[in-house]
Amino acid sequence: MESTEGLLIARGEIDLRLLAHMANRHGLVAGATGTGKTVTLQILAEAFSRIGVPVFAADVKGDLSGISQSGG
């Protein structure tokens, strides 16, 4: 179960996981164009949503238009 093992952030020789109880409302994802910032944020948003954390994403460029659905 993802909530007890942590949110899978990246796969590699060692999987990178974020423990949900260690997260807060602030974060920074930085990098040059094309380095995966939007993909990283999408993975985080989907993982938090799966464990029941409300997620709001404002996307001016429309990169995340395929993942939206109404809340409620």
PDB file of N, CA and C in Angstrom:
ATOM      1  N   MET A   1       0.844  -1.182   0.000  1.00  0.00           N
ATOM      2  CA  MET A   1       0.000   0.000   0.000  1.00  0.00           C
ATOM      3  C   MET A   1       0.884   1.239   0.000  1.00  0.00           C
ATOM      4  N   GLU A   2       0.568   2.176  -0.850  1.00  0.00           N
ATOM      5  CA  GLU A   2       1.437   3.324  -1.043  1.00  0.00           C
ATOM      6  C   GLU A   2       1.552   4.200   0.199  1.00  0.00           C
ATOM      7  N   SER A   3       0.487   4.358   0.966  1.00  0.00           N
ATOM      8  CA  SER A   3       0.524   5.274   2.105  1.00  0.00           C
ATOM      9  C   SER A   3       1.444   4.791   3.218  1.00  0.00           C
ATOM     10  N   THR A   4       1.668   3.483   3.360  1.00  0.00           N
ATOM     11  CA  THR A   4       2.547   2.990   4.412  1.00  0.00           C
ATOM     12  C   THR A   4       3.994   2.898   3.945  1.00  0.00           C
ATOM     13  N   GLU A   5       4.198   2.715   2.655  1.00  0.00           N
ATOM     14  CA  GLU A   5       5.546   2.606   2.114  1.00  0.00           C
ATOM     15  C   GLU A   5       6.077   3.952   1.652  1.00  0.00           C
ATOM     16  N   GLY A   6       5.228   4.909   1.485  1.00  0.00           N
ATOM     17  CA  GLY A   6       5.609   6.208   0.957  1.00  0.00           C
ATOM     18  C   GLY A   6       5.166   6.358  -0.483  1.00  0.00           C
ATOM     19  N   LEU A   7       5.148   7.579  -0.935  1.00  0.00           N
ATOM     20  CA  LEU A   7       4.747   7.883  -2.305  1.00  0.00           C
ATOM     21  C   LEU A   7       5.946   7.683  -3.215  1.00  0.00           C
ATOM     22  N   LEU A   8       5.800   6.832  -4.207  1.00  0.00           N
ATOM     23  CA  LEU A   8       6.895   6.571  -5.134  1.00  0.00           C
ATOM     24  C   LEU A   8       7.145   7.810  -5.983  1.00  0.00           C
ATOM     25  N   ILE A   9       8.323   8.360  -5.880  1.00  0.00           N
ATOM     26  CA  ILE A   9       8.694   9.576  -6.597  1.00  0.00           C
ATOM     27  C   ILE A   9       9.551   9.260  -7.815  1.00  0.00           C
ATOM     28  N   ALA A  10      10.468   8.300  -7.684  1.00  0.00           N
ATOM     29  CA  ALA A  10      11.361   7.957  -8.786  1.00  0.00           C
ATOM     30  C   ALA A  10      11.821   6.515  -8.645  1.00  0.00           C
ATOM     31  N   ARG A  11      12.036   5.884  -9.779  1.00  0.00           N
ATOM     32  CA  ARG A  11      12.566   4.520  -9.804  1.00  0.00           C
ATOM     33  C   ARG A  11      13.996   4.556 -10.332  1.00  0.00           C
ATOM     34  N   GLY A  12      14.820   3.708  -9.781  1.00  0.00           N
ATOM     35  CA  GLY A  12      16.209   3.612 -10.203  1.00  0.00           C
ATOM     36  C   GLY A  12      16.856   2.470  -9.450  1.00  0.00           C
ATOM     37  N   GLU A  13      18.178   2.518  -9.284  1.00  0.00           N
ATOM     38  CA  GLU A  13      18.848   1.503  -8.472  1.00  0.00           C
ATOM     39  C   GLU A  13      18.236   1.465  -7.080  1.00  0.00           C
ATOM     40  N   ILE A  14      17.897   2.650  -6.583  1.00  0.00           N
ATOM     41  CA  ILE A  14      17.189   2.776  -5.309  1.00  0.00           C
ATOM     42  C   ILE A  14      15.938   3.598  -5.578  1.00  0.00           C
ATOM     43  N   ASP A  15      14.759   3.046  -5.268  1.00  0.00           N
ATOM     44  CA  ASP A  15      13.523   3.800  -5.443  1.00  0.00           C
ATOM     45  C   ASP A  15      13.477   4.950  -4.448  1.00  0.00           C
ATOM     46  N   LEU A  16      13.010   6.095  -4.906  1.00  0.00           N
ATOM     47  CA  LEU A  16      12.876   7.274  -4.056  1.00  0.00           C
ATOM     48  C   LEU A  16      11.419   7.408  -3.639  1.00  0.00           C
ATOM     49  N   ARG A  17      11.179   7.439  -2.330  1.00  0.00           N
ATOM     50  CA  ARG A  17       9.818   7.541  -1.804  1.00  0.00           C
ATOM     51  C   ARG A  17       9.719   8.704  -0.832  1.00  0.00           C
ATOM     52  N   LEU A  18       8.544   9.317  -0.815  1.00  0.00           N
ATOM     53  CA  LEU A  18       8.244  10.402   0.112  1.00  0.00           C
ATOM     54  C   LEU A  18       7.197   9.896   1.087  1.00  0.00           C
ATOM     55  N   LEU A  19       7.511   9.937   2.373  1.00  0.00           N
ATOM     56  CA  LEU A  19       6.545   9.531   3.387  1.00  0.00           C
ATOM     57  C   LEU A  19       5.493  10.624   3.504  1.00  0.00           C
ATOM     58  N   ALA A  20       4.232  10.260   3.311  1.00  0.00           N
ATOM     59  CA  ALA A  20       3.148  11.245   3.276  1.00  0.00           C
ATOM     60  C   ALA A  20       3.088  12.077   4.552  1.00  0.00           C
ATOM     61  N   HIS A  21       3.331  11.464   5.690  1.00  0.00           N
ATOM     62  CA  HIS A  21       3.246  12.215   6.948  1.00  0.00           C
ATOM     63  C   HIS A  21       4.397  13.211   7.120  1.00  0.00           C
ATOM     64  N   MET A  22       5.418  13.119   6.286  1.00  0.00           N
ATOM     65  CA  MET A  22       6.540  14.053   6.343  1.00  0.00           C
ATOM     66  C   MET A  22       6.361  15.234   5.381  1.00  0.00           C
ATOM     67  N   ALA A  23       5.341  15.181   4.541  1.00  0.00           N
ATOM     68  CA  ALA A  23       5.109  16.240   3.555  1.00  0.00           C
ATOM     69  C   ALA A  23       4.358  17.404   4.192  1.00  0.00           C
ATOM     70  N   ASN A  24       4.533  18.582   3.609  1.00  0.00           N
ATOM     71  CA  ASN A  24       3.746  19.744   4.025  1.00  0.00           C
ATOM     72  C   ASN A  24       3.234  20.445   2.772  1.00  0.00           C
ATOM     73  N   ARG A  25       2.671  21.610   2.923  1.00  0.00           N
ATOM     74  CA  ARG A  25       2.064  22.292   1.776  1.00  0.00           C
ATOM     75  C   ARG A  25       3.053  23.074   0.934  1.00  0.00           C
ATOM     76  N   HIS A  26       4.309  23.052   1.257  1.00  0.00           N
ATOM     77  CA  HIS A  26       5.292  23.845   0.534  1.00  0.00           C
ATOM     78  C   HIS A  26       6.348  22.939  -0.089  1.00  0.00           C
ATOM     79  N   GLY A  27       6.777  23.295  -1.275  1.00  0.00           N
ATOM     80  CA  GLY A  27       7.813  22.525  -1.936  1.00  0.00           C
ATOM     81  C   GLY A  27       8.394  23.311  -3.094  1.00  0.00           C
ATOM     82  N   LEU A  28       9.479  22.825  -3.618  1.00  0.00           N
ATOM     83  CA  LEU A  28      10.120  23.468  -4.754  1.00  0.00           C
ATOM     84  C   LEU A  28      10.609  22.386  -5.705  1.00  0.00           C
ATOM     85  N   VAL A  29      10.211  22.497  -6.948  1.00  0.00           N
ATOM     86  CA  VAL A  29      10.733  21.641  -8.004  1.00  0.00           C
ATOM     87  C   VAL A  29      11.370  22.591  -9.008  1.00  0.00           C
ATOM     88  N   ALA A  30      12.681  22.515  -9.147  1.00  0.00           N
ATOM     89  CA  ALA A  30      13.408  23.448 -10.012  1.00  0.00           C
ATOM     90  C   ALA A  30      14.257  22.682 -11.012  1.00  0.00           C
ATOM     91  N   GLY A  31      14.495  23.293 -12.148  1.00  0.00           N
ATOM     92  CA  GLY A  31      15.337  22.681 -13.155  1.00  0.00           C
ATOM     93  C   GLY A  31      15.214  23.413 -14.474  1.00  0.00           C
ATOM     94  N   ALA A  32      16.096  23.100 -15.380  1.00  0.00           N
ATOM     95  CA  ALA A  32      16.085  23.718 -16.702  1.00  0.00           C
ATOM     96  C   ALA A  32      14.918  23.172 -17.528  1.00  0.00           C
ATOM     97  N   THR A  33      14.632  23.825 -18.629  1.00  0.00           N
ATOM     98  CA  THR A  33      13.585  23.386 -19.539  1.00  0.00           C
ATOM     99  C   THR A  33      13.839  21.941 -19.973  1.00  0.00           C
ATOM    100  N   GLY A  34      12.792  21.134 -19.912  1.00  0.00           N
ATOM    101  CA  GLY A  34      12.886  19.758 -20.384  1.00  0.00           C
ATOM    102  C   GLY A  34      13.464  18.763 -19.403  1.00  0.00           C
ATOM    103  N   THR A  35      13.623  19.138 -18.142  1.00  0.00           N
ATOM    104  CA  THR A  35      14.230  18.224 -17.170  1.00  0.00           C
ATOM    105  C   THR A  35      13.218  17.416 -16.369  1.00  0.00           C
ATOM    106  N   GLY A  36      11.918  17.642 -16.596  1.00  0.00           N
ATOM    107  CA  GLY A  36      10.914  16.813 -15.939  1.00  0.00           C
ATOM    108  C   GLY A  36      10.196  17.441 -14.758  1.00  0.00           C
ATOM    109  N   LYS A  37      10.214  18.752 -14.657  1.00  0.00           N
ATOM    110  CA  LYS A  37       9.536  19.419 -13.531  1.00  0.00           C
ATOM    111  C   LYS A  37       8.038  19.144 -13.543  1.00  0.00           C
ATOM    112  N   THR A  38       7.401  19.302 -14.689  1.00  0.00           N
ATOM    113  CA  THR A  38       5.958  19.081 -14.787  1.00  0.00           C
ATOM    114  C   THR A  38       5.615  17.623 -14.525  1.00  0.00           C
ATOM    115  N   VAL A  39       6.397  16.715 -15.060  1.00  0.00           N
ATOM    116  CA  VAL A  39       6.163  15.285 -14.829  1.00  0.00           C
ATOM    117  C   VAL A  39       6.300  14.962 -13.347  1.00  0.00           C
ATOM    118  N   THR A  40       7.301  15.526 -12.699  1.00  0.00           N
ATOM    119  CA  THR A  40       7.490  15.314 -11.261  1.00  0.00           C
ATOM    120  C   THR A  40       6.287  15.803 -10.475  1.00  0.00           C
ATOM    121  N   LEU A  41       5.813  17.002 -10.790  1.00  0.00           N
ATOM    122  CA  LEU A  41       4.643  17.545 -10.101  1.00  0.00           C
ATOM    123  C   LEU A  41       3.396  16.712 -10.370  1.00  0.00           C
ATOM    124  N   GLN A  42       3.255  16.212 -11.590  1.00  0.00           N
ATOM    125  CA  GLN A  42       2.111  15.358 -11.927  1.00  0.00           C
ATOM    126  C   GLN A  42       2.154  14.064 -11.117  1.00  0.00           C
ATOM    127  N   ILE A  43       3.309  13.456 -11.005  1.00  0.00           N
ATOM    128  CA  ILE A  43       3.463  12.224 -10.225  1.00  0.00           C
ATOM    129  C   ILE A  43       3.111  12.476  -8.764  1.00  0.00           C
ATOM    130  N   LEU A  44       3.606  13.576  -8.217  1.00  0.00           N
ATOM    131  CA  LEU A  44       3.292  13.922  -6.828  1.00  0.00           C
ATOM    132  C   LEU A  44       1.796  14.149  -6.639  1.00  0.00           C
ATOM    133  N   ALA A  45       1.191  14.923  -7.524  1.00  0.00           N
ATOM    134  CA  ALA A  45      -0.239  15.227  -7.408  1.00  0.00           C
ATOM    135  C   ALA A  45      -1.082  13.963  -7.486  1.00  0.00           C
ATOM    136  N   GLU A  46      -0.776  13.080  -8.430  1.00  0.00           N
ATOM    137  CA  GLU A  46      -1.536  11.838  -8.574  1.00  0.00           C
ATOM    138  C   GLU A  46      -1.346  10.937  -7.364  1.00  0.00           C
ATOM    139  N   ALA A  47      -0.133  10.862  -6.839  1.00  0.00           N
ATOM    140  CA  ALA A  47       0.131  10.013  -5.674  1.00  0.00           C
ATOM    141  C   ALA A  47      -0.596  10.530  -4.437  1.00  0.00           C
ATOM    142  N   PHE A  48      -0.546  11.836  -4.209  1.00  0.00           N
ATOM    143  CA  PHE A  48      -1.269  12.403  -3.068  1.00  0.00           C
ATOM    144  C   PHE A  48      -2.772  12.199  -3.230  1.00  0.00           C
ATOM    145  N   SER A  49      -3.275  12.382  -4.425  1.00  0.00           N
ATOM    146  CA  SER A  49      -4.705  12.199  -4.678  1.00  0.00           C
ATOM    147  C   SER A  49      -5.140  10.762  -4.397  1.00  0.00           C
ATOM    148  N   ARG A  50      -4.309   9.788  -4.792  1.00  0.00           N
ATOM    149  CA  ARG A  50      -4.634   8.369  -4.561  1.00  0.00           C
ATOM    150  C   ARG A  50      -4.796   8.042  -3.084  1.00  0.00           C
ATOM    151  N   ILE A  51      -4.070   8.741  -2.208  1.00  0.00           N
ATOM    152  CA  ILE A  51      -4.184   8.444  -0.774  1.00  0.00           C
ATOM    153  C   ILE A  51      -5.172   9.374  -0.074  1.00  0.00           C
ATOM    154  N   GLY A  52      -5.908  10.152  -0.870  1.00  0.00           N
ATOM    155  CA  GLY A  52      -6.978  10.960  -0.307  1.00  0.00           C
ATOM    156  C   GLY A  52      -6.640  12.389   0.049  1.00  0.00           C
ATOM    157  N   VAL A  53      -5.474  12.860  -0.351  1.00  0.00           N
ATOM    158  CA  VAL A  53      -5.096  14.246  -0.076  1.00  0.00           C
ATOM    159  C   VAL A  53      -5.661  15.126  -1.197  1.00  0.00           C
ATOM    160  N   PRO A  54      -6.443  16.161  -0.857  1.00  0.00           N
ATOM    161  CA  PRO A  54      -6.960  17.053  -1.900  1.00  0.00           C
ATOM    162  C   PRO A  54      -5.808  17.754  -2.626  1.00  0.00           C
ATOM    163  N   VAL A  55      -5.903  17.816  -3.943  1.00  0.00           N
ATOM    164  CA  VAL A  55      -4.845  18.419  -4.758  1.00  0.00           C
ATOM    165  C   VAL A  55      -5.459  19.501  -5.643  1.00  0.00           C
ATOM    166  N   PHE A  56      -4.828  20.653  -5.680  1.00  0.00           N
ATOM    167  CA  PHE A  56      -5.212  21.732  -6.588  1.00  0.00           C
ATOM    168  C   PHE A  56      -3.997  22.073  -7.429  1.00  0.00           C
ATOM    169  N   ALA A  57      -4.171  22.102  -8.747  1.00  0.00           N
ATOM    170  CA  ALA A  57      -3.074  22.464  -9.636  1.00  0.00           C
ATOM    171  C   ALA A  57      -3.540  23.566 -10.579  1.00  0.00           C
ATOM    172  N   ALA A  58      -2.825  24.669 -10.610  1.00  0.00           N
ATOM    173  CA  ALA A  58      -3.083  25.747 -11.561  1.00  0.00           C
ATOM    174  C   ALA A  58      -2.051  25.607 -12.677  1.00  0.00           C
ATOM    175  N   ASP A  59      -2.526  25.395 -13.892  1.00  0.00           N
ATOM    176  CA  ASP A  59      -1.636  25.101 -15.010  1.00  0.00           C
ATOM    177  C   ASP A  59      -1.899  26.078 -16.152  1.00  0.00           C
ATOM    178  N   VAL A  60      -1.117  27.119 -16.232  1.00  0.00           N
ATOM    179  CA  VAL A  60      -1.314  28.166 -17.228  1.00  0.00           C
ATOM    180  C   VAL A  60      -1.037  27.658 -18.641  1.00  0.00           C
ATOM    181  N   LYS A  61      -0.023  26.809 -18.799  1.00  0.00           N
ATOM    182  CA  LYS A  61       0.368  26.336 -20.126  1.00  0.00           C
ATOM    183  C   LYS A  61      -0.498  25.197 -20.649  1.00  0.00           C
ATOM    184  N   GLY A  62      -1.248  24.521 -19.799  1.00  0.00           N
ATOM    185  CA  GLY A  62      -2.102  23.425 -20.241  1.00  0.00           C
ATOM    186  C   GLY A  62      -1.415  22.074 -20.298  1.00  0.00           C
ATOM    187  N   ASP A  63      -0.245  21.945 -19.701  1.00  0.00           N
ATOM    188  CA  ASP A  63       0.487  20.678 -19.725  1.00  0.00           C
ATOM    189  C   ASP A  63      -0.230  19.565 -18.967  1.00  0.00           C
ATOM    190  N   LEU A  64      -1.067  19.921 -17.994  1.00  0.00           N
ATOM    191  CA  LEU A  64      -1.726  18.918 -17.156  1.00  0.00           C
ATOM    192  C   LEU A  64      -3.192  18.715 -17.516  1.00  0.00           C
ATOM    193  N   SER A  65      -3.621  19.202 -18.661  1.00  0.00           N
ATOM    194  CA  SER A  65      -5.042  19.160 -19.008  1.00  0.00           C
ATOM    195  C   SER A  65      -5.603  17.742 -19.056  1.00  0.00           C
ATOM    196  N   GLY A  66      -4.799  16.748 -19.305  1.00  0.00           N
ATOM    197  CA  GLY A  66      -5.281  15.374 -19.398  1.00  0.00           C
ATOM    198  C   GLY A  66      -5.524  14.690 -18.072  1.00  0.00           C
ATOM    199  N   ILE A  67      -5.121  15.275 -16.950  1.00  0.00           N
ATOM    200  CA  ILE A  67      -5.283  14.585 -15.669  1.00  0.00           C
ATOM    201  C   ILE A  67      -6.398  15.157 -14.814  1.00  0.00           C
ATOM    202  N   SER A  68      -7.056  16.209 -15.277  1.00  0.00           N
ATOM    203  CA  SER A  68      -8.038  16.880 -14.419  1.00  0.00           C
ATOM    204  C   SER A  68      -9.364  16.139 -14.374  1.00  0.00           C
ATOM    205  N   GLN A  69     -10.018  16.285 -13.249  1.00  0.00           N
ATOM    206  CA  GLN A  69     -11.386  15.811 -13.086  1.00  0.00           C
ATOM    207  C   GLN A  69     -12.016  16.645 -11.988  1.00  0.00           C
ATOM    208  N   SER A  70     -13.326  16.726 -12.016  1.00  0.00           N
ATOM    209  CA  SER A  70     -14.006  17.562 -11.026  1.00  0.00           C
ATOM    210  C   SER A  70     -13.906  16.953  -9.643  1.00  0.00           C
ATOM    211  N   GLY A  71     -13.808  17.801  -8.647  1.00  0.00           N
ATOM    212  CA  GLY A  71     -13.766  17.344  -7.258  1.00  0.00           C
ATOM    213  C   GLY A  71     -15.156  17.096  -6.728  1.00  0.00           C
ATOM    214  N   GLY A  72     -15.198  16.588  -5.517  1.00  0.00           N
ATOM    215  CA  GLY A  72     -16.513  16.414  -4.905  1.00  0.00           C
ATOM    216  C   GLY A  72     -16.709  15.121  -4.245  1.00  0.00           C
TER     217      GLY A  72
END
